[in-house]
Amino acid sequence: MEEKYYTPAQVANLLGVTRETVYAQLHRGTLQAHRFGRSRRITENQLKLCLEHKGSVVIDAMKPNAVI
């Protein structure tokens, strides 16, 4: 079965968030991605894993890039 890859912009559109939010999740490590040169691609499986763990990481609203 062929794996489907999404760009961060496509994931943002699917989830109804901004592209910057997706990049913040990638930076924190709560969402995994494959790198192709400077591009990042997220598989359906990686997206499902991230959504399954939703809420398991506490984020300080005053420091959006910090994980408590």
N, C-alpha and C. Protein backbone atom coordinates (compact mmCIF):
# COMPACT_ATOMS: atom_id res chain seq x y z
N MET A 1 0.83 -1.19 0.00
CA MET A 1 0.00 0.00 0.00
C MET A 1 0.88 1.25 0.00
N GLU A 2 0.55 2.19 -0.81
CA GLU A 2 1.33 3.41 -0.95
C GLU A 2 0.98 4.40 0.16
N GLU A 3 2.01 4.94 0.80
CA GLU A 3 1.83 5.90 1.89
C GLU A 3 1.55 7.28 1.31
N LYS A 4 0.59 8.00 1.88
CA LYS A 4 0.26 9.35 1.42
C LYS A 4 1.04 10.35 2.27
N TYR A 5 1.64 11.33 1.61
CA TYR A 5 2.42 12.37 2.27
C TYR A 5 1.69 13.70 2.17
N TYR A 6 1.72 14.47 3.27
CA TYR A 6 1.12 15.80 3.32
C TYR A 6 2.18 16.84 3.60
N THR A 7 2.00 18.02 3.06
CA THR A 7 2.86 19.14 3.42
C THR A 7 2.34 19.72 4.73
N PRO A 8 3.16 20.49 5.44
CA PRO A 8 2.65 21.15 6.65
C PRO A 8 1.43 22.04 6.37
N ALA A 9 1.38 22.68 5.22
CA ALA A 9 0.23 23.51 4.86
C ALA A 9 -1.03 22.66 4.69
N GLN A 10 -0.89 21.48 4.10
CA GLN A 10 -2.04 20.59 3.94
C GLN A 10 -2.53 20.07 5.29
N VAL A 11 -1.60 19.74 6.19
CA VAL A 11 -1.97 19.28 7.52
C VAL A 11 -2.69 20.41 8.27
N ALA A 12 -2.19 21.63 8.15
CA ALA A 12 -2.84 22.77 8.79
C ALA A 12 -4.26 22.93 8.28
N ASN A 13 -4.45 22.79 6.99
CA ASN A 13 -5.78 22.90 6.39
C ASN A 13 -6.71 21.79 6.90
N LEU A 14 -6.19 20.57 6.98
CA LEU A 14 -6.98 19.43 7.46
C LEU A 14 -7.42 19.62 8.92
N LEU A 15 -6.53 20.17 9.74
CA LEU A 15 -6.80 20.32 11.17
C LEU A 15 -7.45 21.64 11.53
N GLY A 16 -7.48 22.57 10.59
CA GLY A 16 -8.08 23.87 10.86
C GLY A 16 -7.23 24.76 11.74
N VAL A 17 -5.91 24.63 11.59
CA VAL A 17 -4.96 25.45 12.34
C VAL A 17 -4.05 26.17 11.34
N THR A 18 -3.19 27.04 11.85
CA THR A 18 -2.26 27.73 10.96
C THR A 18 -1.06 26.85 10.64
N ARG A 19 -0.39 27.19 9.57
CA ARG A 19 0.82 26.46 9.19
C ARG A 19 1.90 26.62 10.27
N GLU A 20 1.93 27.79 10.91
CA GLU A 20 2.90 28.03 11.97
C GLU A 20 2.67 27.09 13.15
N THR A 21 1.40 26.77 13.43
CA THR A 21 1.08 25.82 14.50
C THR A 21 1.64 24.44 14.18
N VAL A 22 1.51 24.03 12.93
CA VAL A 22 2.05 22.73 12.52
C VAL A 22 3.57 22.73 12.66
N TYR A 23 4.23 23.81 12.23
CA TYR A 23 5.68 23.88 12.38
C TYR A 23 6.11 23.89 13.84
N ALA A 24 5.31 24.51 14.71
CA ALA A 24 5.60 24.51 16.15
C ALA A 24 5.51 23.08 16.70
N GLN A 25 4.51 22.32 16.25
CA GLN A 25 4.37 20.93 16.67
C GLN A 25 5.56 20.10 16.18
N LEU A 26 6.01 20.36 14.97
CA LEU A 26 7.19 19.66 14.44
C LEU A 26 8.42 20.00 15.27
N HIS A 27 8.57 21.27 15.62
CA HIS A 27 9.72 21.72 16.40
C HIS A 27 9.72 21.09 17.79
N ARG A 28 8.54 20.99 18.41
CA ARG A 28 8.41 20.39 19.74
C ARG A 28 8.62 18.88 19.72
N GLY A 29 8.38 18.27 18.54
CA GLY A 29 8.51 16.82 18.44
C GLY A 29 7.20 16.08 18.68
N THR A 30 6.09 16.82 18.85
CA THR A 30 4.81 16.14 19.04
C THR A 30 4.23 15.65 17.72
N LEU A 31 4.75 16.16 16.63
CA LEU A 31 4.39 15.70 15.28
C LEU A 31 5.69 15.38 14.55
N GLN A 32 5.78 14.19 14.02
CA GLN A 32 6.98 13.76 13.30
C GLN A 32 6.80 14.01 11.80
N ALA A 33 7.92 14.15 11.10
CA ALA A 33 7.88 14.37 9.65
C ALA A 33 9.15 13.82 9.02
N HIS A 34 9.05 13.55 7.73
CA HIS A 34 10.21 13.17 6.94
C HIS A 34 10.75 14.43 6.28
N ARG A 35 12.07 14.51 6.16
CA ARG A 35 12.68 15.66 5.49
C ARG A 35 13.19 15.23 4.13
N PHE A 36 12.86 16.01 3.14
CA PHE A 36 13.35 15.84 1.77
C PHE A 36 14.01 17.15 1.40
N GLY A 37 15.33 17.22 1.57
CA GLY A 37 16.01 18.50 1.38
C GLY A 37 15.54 19.46 2.46
N ARG A 38 15.01 20.61 2.05
CA ARG A 38 14.48 21.56 3.02
C ARG A 38 13.00 21.36 3.28
N SER A 39 12.36 20.48 2.53
CA SER A 39 10.93 20.25 2.66
C SER A 39 10.63 19.21 3.73
N ARG A 40 9.48 19.32 4.33
CA ARG A 40 9.01 18.33 5.29
C ARG A 40 7.72 17.73 4.78
N ARG A 41 7.57 16.45 4.98
CA ARG A 41 6.35 15.75 4.59
C ARG A 41 5.90 14.88 5.75
N ILE A 42 4.60 14.88 5.99
CA ILE A 42 4.01 14.16 7.10
C ILE A 42 3.13 13.05 6.53
N THR A 43 3.33 11.82 6.99
CA THR A 43 2.52 10.71 6.51
C THR A 43 1.20 10.66 7.28
N GLU A 44 0.24 9.95 6.72
CA GLU A 44 -1.04 9.77 7.41
C GLU A 44 -0.83 9.10 8.76
N ASN A 45 0.07 8.13 8.80
CA ASN A 45 0.35 7.42 10.05
C ASN A 45 0.93 8.36 11.10
N GLN A 46 1.86 9.22 10.71
CA GLN A 46 2.44 10.18 11.64
C GLN A 46 1.38 11.14 12.17
N LEU A 47 0.47 11.55 11.30
CA LEU A 47 -0.61 12.45 11.70
C LEU A 47 -1.54 11.75 12.69
N LYS A 48 -1.89 10.49 12.43
CA LYS A 48 -2.75 9.72 13.33
C LYS A 48 -2.10 9.55 14.69
N LEU A 49 -0.80 9.26 14.71
CA LEU A 49 -0.09 9.10 15.98
C LEU A 49 -0.12 10.39 16.79
N CYS A 50 0.06 11.51 16.13
CA CYS A 50 0.03 12.80 16.81
C CYS A 50 -1.36 13.05 17.40
N LEU A 51 -2.40 12.77 16.64
CA LEU A 51 -3.76 13.01 17.11
C LEU A 51 -4.15 12.07 18.25
N GLU A 52 -3.60 10.86 18.26
CA GLU A 52 -3.87 9.91 19.35
C GLU A 52 -3.27 10.40 20.67
N HIS A 53 -2.16 11.13 20.59
CA HIS A 53 -1.48 11.61 21.79
C HIS A 53 -1.89 13.04 22.13
N LYS A 54 -2.89 13.55 21.44
CA LYS A 54 -3.36 14.92 21.66
C LYS A 54 -3.76 15.09 23.12
N GLY A 55 -3.27 16.14 23.72
CA GLY A 55 -3.61 16.41 25.12
C GLY A 55 -2.66 15.78 26.11
N SER A 56 -1.74 14.97 25.66
CA SER A 56 -0.81 14.33 26.59
C SER A 56 0.39 15.22 26.90
N VAL A 57 0.54 16.32 26.16
CA VAL A 57 1.63 17.25 26.39
C VAL A 57 1.03 18.58 26.83
N VAL A 58 1.51 19.10 27.96
CA VAL A 58 1.02 20.38 28.47
C VAL A 58 1.90 21.49 27.89
N ILE A 59 1.24 22.52 27.36
CA ILE A 59 1.97 23.62 26.75
C ILE A 59 1.64 24.90 27.51
N ASP A 60 2.65 25.63 27.90
CA ASP A 60 2.48 26.91 28.58
C ASP A 60 2.12 27.95 27.54
N ALA A 61 0.94 28.56 27.65
CA ALA A 61 0.47 29.54 26.67
C ALA A 61 1.35 30.76 26.59
N MET A 62 2.05 31.08 27.67
CA MET A 62 2.93 32.25 27.68
C MET A 62 4.25 31.96 26.97
N LYS A 63 4.58 30.70 26.82
CA LYS A 63 5.81 30.27 26.15
C LYS A 63 5.44 29.17 25.18
N PRO A 64 4.90 29.51 23.99
CA PRO A 64 4.35 28.49 23.10
C PRO A 64 5.34 27.43 22.63
N ASN A 65 6.63 27.69 22.69
CA ASN A 65 7.60 26.69 22.25
C ASN A 65 8.16 25.87 23.40
N ALA A 66 7.67 26.13 24.61
CA ALA A 66 8.16 25.40 25.78
C ALA A 66 7.16 24.31 26.16
N VAL A 67 7.68 23.18 26.54
CA VAL A 67 6.85 22.08 27.01
C VAL A 67 7.10 21.92 28.50
N ILE A 68 6.04 21.81 29.27
CA ILE A 68 6.16 21.67 30.73
C ILE A 68 6.31 20.20 31.07
